[in-house]
Amino acid sequence: MSNDVPSRSRKALWLVAAVCIAPFVASFAVYYFYQPDARINYGQLLEPKPLPAGPLKLIDGGAFSFSQLQGKWLFVTVDDAACDAYCEKKLWQIRQVRKTQGKYPERIERVWLITDAGQPLPRLRTEYDGTWMVNAAGSAQLDALPYQGARTDHIYLVDPLGNLVLRYPRDADPSRMRKDLERLLKVSRIG
């Protein structure tokens, strides 16, 4: 009979030890061996790096720097001043995504980095009023944008601290872009 009591005590001790150690073993296994198949975001996550804050010029001749938009989320698109149909589509998409943010549109700005010395058509200036149209030919800001294919294929998202965080593919789906931005605006405390 005396052998039965220590045996039960030992079982209880091992059970308590297993319950205490199991979360550590499980977390180790998940951290090192689990690769999720799906992701929540639509845009491609980029290694966060700040855009250079050097001086640029707006198309009207005024000074521009990304640092003046600190505290805002930025949609950045890159195209030449001639702005073909795909360029106009991107400008339209980022305008519409911004408009659909309900109570948050003031937290979002749109920037068009123009890759040549040309001037956009007056129609584009009027239609996309509120977009920062910046002459960026040969600038460090253009060189800082990572791209696959052509630089003009993408729409970029910059966080309120000035870091590139997402890159959207050519012919991006505006509703999925909106959902990405909606999630970011909801959880962001910095802008």
C-alpha atoms as a PDB file:
ATOM      1  CA  MET A   1       0.000   0.000   0.000  1.00  0.00           C
ATOM      2  CA  SER A   2       2.835   2.393   0.742  1.00  0.00           C
ATOM      3  CA  ASN A   3       4.148   1.921  -2.831  1.00  0.00           C
ATOM      4  CA  ASP A   4       0.834   3.125  -4.289  1.00  0.00           C
ATOM      5  CA  VAL A   5       0.980   6.616  -2.723  1.00  0.00           C
ATOM      6  CA  PRO A   6       4.428   7.601  -4.079  1.00  0.00           C
ATOM      7  CA  SER A   7       3.439   6.309  -7.508  1.00  0.00           C
ATOM      8  CA  ARG A   8       0.359   8.556  -7.592  1.00  0.00           C
ATOM      9  CA  SER A   9       2.412  11.495  -6.316  1.00  0.00           C
ATOM     10  CA  ARG A  10       4.964  10.954  -9.043  1.00  0.00           C
ATOM     11  CA  LYS A  11       2.245  10.837 -11.713  1.00  0.00           C
ATOM     12  CA  ALA A  12       0.788  14.090 -10.422  1.00  0.00           C
ATOM     13  CA  LEU A  13       4.239  15.685 -10.392  1.00  0.00           C
ATOM     14  CA  TRP A  14       4.887  14.630 -13.991  1.00  0.00           C
ATOM     15  CA  LEU A  15       1.477  15.895 -15.035  1.00  0.00           C
ATOM     16  CA  VAL A  16       2.131  19.320 -13.467  1.00  0.00           C
ATOM     17  CA  ALA A  17       5.575  19.466 -15.115  1.00  0.00           C
ATOM     18  CA  ALA A  18       4.102  18.548 -18.513  1.00  0.00           C
ATOM     19  CA  VAL A  19       1.405  21.218 -18.202  1.00  0.00           C
ATOM     20  CA  CYS A  20       4.062  23.830 -17.381  1.00  0.00           C
ATOM     21  CA  ILE A  21       6.518  22.804 -20.103  1.00  0.00           C
ATOM     22  CA  ALA A  22       3.997  22.159 -22.916  1.00  0.00           C
ATOM     23  CA  PRO A  23       3.416  25.866 -23.781  1.00  0.00           C
ATOM     24  CA  PHE A  24       7.159  26.427 -24.195  1.00  0.00           C
ATOM     25  CA  VAL A  25       7.560  23.394 -26.433  1.00  0.00           C
ATOM     26  CA  ALA A  26       4.500  24.373 -28.482  1.00  0.00           C
ATOM     27  CA  SER A  27       5.665  27.980 -28.915  1.00  0.00           C
ATOM     28  CA  PHE A  28       9.131  26.790 -29.974  1.00  0.00           C
ATOM     29  CA  ALA A  29       7.620  24.439 -32.559  1.00  0.00           C
ATOM     30  CA  VAL A  30       5.284  27.087 -33.958  1.00  0.00           C
ATOM     31  CA  TYR A  31       8.006  29.747 -34.106  1.00  0.00           C
ATOM     32  CA  TYR A  32      10.589  27.606 -35.882  1.00  0.00           C
ATOM     33  CA  PHE A  33       8.536  25.181 -37.952  1.00  0.00           C
ATOM     34  CA  TYR A  34       5.154  26.729 -38.821  1.00  0.00           C
ATOM     35  CA  GLN A  35       4.900  28.714 -42.053  1.00  0.00           C
ATOM     36  CA  PRO A  36       1.455  30.251 -42.609  1.00  0.00           C
ATOM     37  CA  ASP A  37       0.077  29.739 -46.098  1.00  0.00           C
ATOM     38  CA  ALA A  38      -2.082  32.817 -46.274  1.00  0.00           C
ATOM     39  CA  ARG A  39      -1.410  36.418 -45.441  1.00  0.00           C
ATOM     40  CA  ILE A  40      -3.778  39.190 -44.609  1.00  0.00           C
ATOM     41  CA  ASN A  41      -2.254  42.050 -46.577  1.00  0.00           C
ATOM     42  CA  TYR A  42      -2.668  42.424 -50.327  1.00  0.00           C
ATOM     43  CA  GLY A  43       0.333  44.633 -51.052  1.00  0.00           C
ATOM     44  CA  GLN A  44       3.818  43.175 -50.915  1.00  0.00           C
ATOM     45  CA  LEU A  45       5.463  43.958 -47.591  1.00  0.00           C
ATOM     46  CA  LEU A  46       8.761  45.770 -48.003  1.00  0.00           C
ATOM     47  CA  GLU A  47      11.651  45.949 -45.597  1.00  0.00           C
ATOM     48  CA  PRO A  48      10.810  49.298 -43.960  1.00  0.00           C
ATOM     49  CA  LYS A  49      13.301  51.929 -45.039  1.00  0.00           C
ATOM     50  CA  PRO A  50      12.885  55.687 -45.012  1.00  0.00           C
ATOM     51  CA  LEU A  51      12.490  57.616 -48.224  1.00  0.00           C
ATOM     52  CA  PRO A  52      15.256  60.207 -48.580  1.00  0.00           C
ATOM     53  CA  ALA A  53      13.974  63.576 -47.391  1.00  0.00           C
ATOM     54  CA  GLY A  54      16.008  65.686 -49.807  1.00  0.00           C
ATOM     55  CA  PRO A  55      14.466  68.735 -51.471  1.00  0.00           C
ATOM     56  CA  LEU A  56      12.346  68.347 -54.597  1.00  0.00           C
ATOM     57  CA  LYS A  57      10.238  70.756 -56.659  1.00  0.00           C
ATOM     58  CA  LEU A  58       6.506  70.720 -57.227  1.00  0.00           C
ATOM     59  CA  ILE A  59       5.359  71.190 -60.823  1.00  0.00           C
ATOM     60  CA  ASP A  60       4.308  74.754 -59.976  1.00  0.00           C
ATOM     61  CA  GLY A  61       7.874  75.507 -58.803  1.00  0.00           C
ATOM     62  CA  GLY A  62       7.263  75.311 -55.053  1.00  0.00           C
ATOM     63  CA  ALA A  63       9.537  73.378 -52.718  1.00  0.00           C
ATOM     64  CA  PHE A  64       8.629  69.860 -51.640  1.00  0.00           C
ATOM     65  CA  SER A  65      10.080  67.336 -49.215  1.00  0.00           C
ATOM     66  CA  PHE A  66       8.607  64.090 -47.952  1.00  0.00           C
ATOM     67  CA  SER A  67       9.334  65.325 -44.438  1.00  0.00           C
ATOM     68  CA  GLN A  68       6.562  67.936 -44.794  1.00  0.00           C
ATOM     69  CA  LEU A  69       4.075  65.063 -45.052  1.00  0.00           C
ATOM     70  CA  GLN A  70       5.391  63.368 -41.905  1.00  0.00           C
ATOM     71  CA  GLY A  71       2.486  61.979 -39.892  1.00  0.00           C
ATOM     72  CA  LYS A  72       0.412  61.050 -42.975  1.00  0.00           C
ATOM     73  CA  TRP A  73       0.062  57.812 -44.885  1.00  0.00           C
ATOM     74  CA  LEU A  74       1.192  58.337 -48.492  1.00  0.00           C
ATOM     75  CA  PHE A  75       0.253  56.642 -51.715  1.00  0.00           C
ATOM     76  CA  VAL A  76       3.169  57.208 -54.083  1.00  0.00           C
ATOM     77  CA  THR A  77       2.996  56.593 -57.810  1.00  0.00           C
ATOM     78  CA  VAL A  78       5.782  57.079 -60.355  1.00  0.00           C
ATOM     79  CA  ASP A  79       5.263  58.071 -63.997  1.00  0.00           C
ATOM     80  CA  ASP A  80       6.393  60.560 -66.595  1.00  0.00           C
ATOM     81  CA  ALA A  81       4.464  63.774 -67.178  1.00  0.00           C
ATOM     82  CA  ALA A  82       2.839  62.482 -70.387  1.00  0.00           C
ATOM     83  CA  CYS A  83       0.817  60.084 -68.188  1.00  0.00           C
ATOM     84  CA  ASP A  84      -0.487  57.250 -70.337  1.00  0.00           C
ATOM     85  CA  ALA A  85      -3.742  55.365 -69.668  1.00  0.00           C
ATOM     86  CA  TYR A  86      -2.159  53.145 -67.002  1.00  0.00           C
ATOM     87  CA  CYS A  87      -0.771  56.203 -65.202  1.00  0.00           C
ATOM     88  CA  GLU A  88      -4.247  57.773 -65.163  1.00  0.00           C
ATOM     89  CA  LYS A  89      -5.698  54.510 -63.870  1.00  0.00           C
ATOM     90  CA  LYS A  90      -3.244  54.537 -60.936  1.00  0.00           C
ATOM     91  CA  LEU A  91      -4.017  58.189 -60.143  1.00  0.00           C
ATOM     92  CA  TRP A  92      -7.731  57.381 -60.215  1.00  0.00           C
ATOM     93  CA  GLN A  93      -7.256  54.308 -57.994  1.00  0.00           C
ATOM     94  CA  ILE A  94      -5.337  56.109 -55.264  1.00  0.00           C
ATOM     95  CA  ARG A  95      -7.833  58.975 -55.309  1.00  0.00           C
ATOM     96  CA  GLN A  96     -10.756  56.565 -54.961  1.00  0.00           C
ATOM     97  CA  VAL A  97      -9.085  54.492 -52.241  1.00  0.00           C
ATOM     98  CA  ARG A  98      -8.468  57.697 -50.283  1.00  0.00           C
ATOM     99  CA  LYS A  99     -12.081  58.837 -50.733  1.00  0.00           C
ATOM    100  CA  THR A 100     -13.456  55.528 -49.443  1.00  0.00           C
ATOM    101  CA  GLN A 101     -11.746  55.827 -46.061  1.00  0.00           C
ATOM    102  CA  GLY A 102     -14.782  57.446 -44.438  1.00  0.00           C
ATOM    103  CA  LYS A 103     -13.614  59.438 -41.442  1.00  0.00           C
ATOM    104  CA  TYR A 104      -9.903  58.982 -42.223  1.00  0.00           C
ATOM    105  CA  PRO A 105      -9.184  60.636 -45.614  1.00  0.00           C
ATOM    106  CA  GLU A 106      -7.295  63.513 -43.968  1.00  0.00           C
ATOM    107  CA  ARG A 107      -4.728  60.965 -42.747  1.00  0.00           C
ATOM    108  CA  ILE A 108      -3.823  60.019 -46.335  1.00  0.00           C
ATOM    109  CA  GLU A 109      -1.966  61.992 -49.012  1.00  0.00           C
ATOM    110  CA  ARG A 110      -1.253  61.165 -52.654  1.00  0.00           C
ATOM    111  CA  VAL A 111       2.109  61.852 -54.318  1.00  0.00           C
ATOM    112  CA  TRP A 112       2.924  61.576 -58.019  1.00  0.00           C
ATOM    113  CA  LEU A 113       6.679  61.462 -58.637  1.00  0.00           C
ATOM    114  CA  ILE A 114       7.189  62.689 -62.198  1.00  0.00           C
ATOM    115  CA  THR A 115      10.214  61.045 -63.793  1.00  0.00           C
ATOM    116  CA  ASP A 116      10.972  63.669 -66.440  1.00  0.00           C
ATOM    117  CA  ALA A 117      11.089  67.460 -66.736  1.00  0.00           C
ATOM    118  CA  GLY A 118       7.706  67.674 -68.505  1.00  0.00           C
ATOM    119  CA  GLN A 119       4.470  69.159 -67.208  1.00  0.00           C
ATOM    120  CA  PRO A 120       1.262  67.138 -66.791  1.00  0.00           C
ATOM    121  CA  LEU A 121      -1.724  68.153 -68.878  1.00  0.00           C
ATOM    122  CA  PRO A 122      -3.940  70.834 -67.293  1.00  0.00           C
ATOM    123  CA  ARG A 123      -6.804  68.317 -67.351  1.00  0.00           C
ATOM    124  CA  LEU A 124      -4.816  65.978 -65.082  1.00  0.00           C
ATOM    125  CA  ARG A 125      -3.931  68.809 -62.706  1.00  0.00           C
ATOM    126  CA  THR A 126      -7.599  69.671 -62.354  1.00  0.00           C
ATOM    127  CA  GLU A 127      -8.940  66.132 -62.210  1.00  0.00           C
ATOM    128  CA  TYR A 128      -6.403  64.997 -59.602  1.00  0.00           C
ATOM    129  CA  ASP A 129      -6.273  68.189 -57.586  1.00  0.00           C
ATOM    130  CA  GLY A 130      -4.951  67.400 -54.125  1.00  0.00           C
ATOM    131  CA  THR A 131      -2.281  65.059 -55.465  1.00  0.00           C
ATOM    132  CA  TRP A 132       1.236  66.337 -54.807  1.00  0.00           C
ATOM    133  CA  MET A 133       2.736  66.457 -58.317  1.00  0.00           C
ATOM    134  CA  VAL A 134       6.495  66.446 -57.862  1.00  0.00           C
ATOM    135  CA  ASN A 135       9.321  66.752 -60.394  1.00  0.00           C
ATOM    136  CA  ALA A 136      11.598  63.923 -59.275  1.00  0.00           C
ATOM    137  CA  ALA A 137      13.765  63.286 -62.367  1.00  0.00           C
ATOM    138  CA  GLY A 138      17.117  61.844 -61.274  1.00  0.00           C
ATOM    139  CA  SER A 139      16.303  62.172 -57.568  1.00  0.00           C
ATOM    140  CA  ALA A 140      17.431  59.960 -54.704  1.00  0.00           C
ATOM    141  CA  GLN A 141      13.754  59.393 -53.897  1.00  0.00           C
ATOM    142  CA  LEU A 142      13.227  57.603 -57.221  1.00  0.00           C
ATOM    143  CA  ASP A 143      16.329  55.495 -56.691  1.00  0.00           C
ATOM    144  CA  ALA A 144      15.062  54.448 -53.245  1.00  0.00           C
ATOM    145  CA  LEU A 145      11.896  52.819 -54.629  1.00  0.00           C
ATOM    146  CA  PRO A 146      12.289  49.045 -55.049  1.00  0.00           C
ATOM    147  CA  TYR A 147      10.609  47.676 -58.130  1.00  0.00           C
ATOM    148  CA  GLN A 148      10.167  44.555 -60.235  1.00  0.00           C
ATOM    149  CA  GLY A 149       9.769  45.071 -63.956  1.00  0.00           C
ATOM    150  CA  ALA A 150       9.294  48.799 -64.451  1.00  0.00           C
ATOM    151  CA  ARG A 151       9.279  51.361 -61.649  1.00  0.00           C
ATOM    152  CA  THR A 152       6.057  52.774 -63.114  1.00  0.00           C
ATOM    153  CA  ASP A 153       4.245  49.450 -62.596  1.00  0.00           C
ATOM    154  CA  HIS A 154       3.764  49.947 -58.866  1.00  0.00           C
ATOM    155  CA  ILE A 155       1.891  51.999 -56.320  1.00  0.00           C
ATOM    156  CA  TYR A 156       3.782  52.387 -53.038  1.00  0.00           C
ATOM    157  CA  LEU A 157       2.488  52.980 -49.528  1.00  0.00           C
ATOM    158  CA  VAL A 158       4.610  55.051 -47.128  1.00  0.00           C
ATOM    159  CA  ASP A 159       3.868  55.081 -43.399  1.00  0.00           C
ATOM    160  CA  PRO A 160       3.567  58.250 -41.252  1.00  0.00           C
ATOM    161  CA  LEU A 161       7.226  57.948 -40.221  1.00  0.00           C
ATOM    162  CA  GLY A 162       8.335  58.154 -43.859  1.00  0.00           C
ATOM    163  CA  ASN A 163       9.131  54.444 -44.351  1.00  0.00           C
ATOM    164  CA  LEU A 164       8.207  52.482 -47.462  1.00  0.00           C
ATOM    165  CA  VAL A 165       6.035  49.631 -46.212  1.00  0.00           C
ATOM    166  CA  LEU A 166       3.958  48.185 -49.080  1.00  0.00           C
ATOM    167  CA  ARG A 167       4.222  47.883 -52.844  1.00  0.00           C
ATOM    168  CA  TYR A 168       1.162  47.109 -54.943  1.00  0.00           C
ATOM    169  CA  PRO A 169       1.471  45.188 -58.212  1.00  0.00           C
ATOM    170  CA  ARG A 170       0.594  46.336 -61.697  1.00  0.00           C
ATOM    171  CA  ASP A 171      -3.190  46.504 -62.137  1.00  0.00           C
ATOM    172  CA  ALA A 172      -3.745  46.376 -58.379  1.00  0.00           C
ATOM    173  CA  ASP A 173      -7.263  45.733 -57.102  1.00  0.00           C
ATOM    174  CA  PRO A 174      -8.497  48.988 -55.473  1.00  0.00           C
ATOM    175  CA  SER A 175     -10.893  47.214 -53.104  1.00  0.00           C
ATOM    176  CA  ARG A 176      -8.075  45.088 -51.703  1.00  0.00           C
ATOM    177  CA  MET A 177      -5.850  48.186 -51.448  1.00  0.00           C
ATOM    178  CA  ARG A 178      -8.655  49.877 -49.518  1.00  0.00           C
ATOM    179  CA  LYS A 179      -8.864  46.962 -47.084  1.00  0.00           C
ATOM    180  CA  ASP A 180      -5.095  47.091 -46.487  1.00  0.00           C
ATOM    181  CA  LEU A 181      -5.229  50.804 -45.775  1.00  0.00           C
ATOM    182  CA  GLU A 182      -8.352  50.472 -43.640  1.00  0.00           C
ATOM    183  CA  ARG A 183      -6.597  47.928 -41.413  1.00  0.00           C
ATOM    184  CA  LEU A 184      -3.496  50.094 -41.129  1.00  0.00           C
ATOM    185  CA  LEU A 185      -5.463  53.240 -40.286  1.00  0.00           C
ATOM    186  CA  LYS A 186      -7.461  51.358 -37.676  1.00  0.00           C
ATOM    187  CA  VAL A 187      -4.428  50.091 -35.756  1.00  0.00           C
ATOM    188  CA  SER A 188      -2.010  52.969 -36.384  1.00  0.00           C
ATOM    189  CA  ARG A 189      -1.398  55.356 -33.527  1.00  0.00           C
ATOM    190  CA  ILE A 190       1.242  57.395 -35.366  1.00  0.00           C
ATOM    191  CA  GLY A 191      -0.758  58.869 -38.216  1.00  0.00           C
END
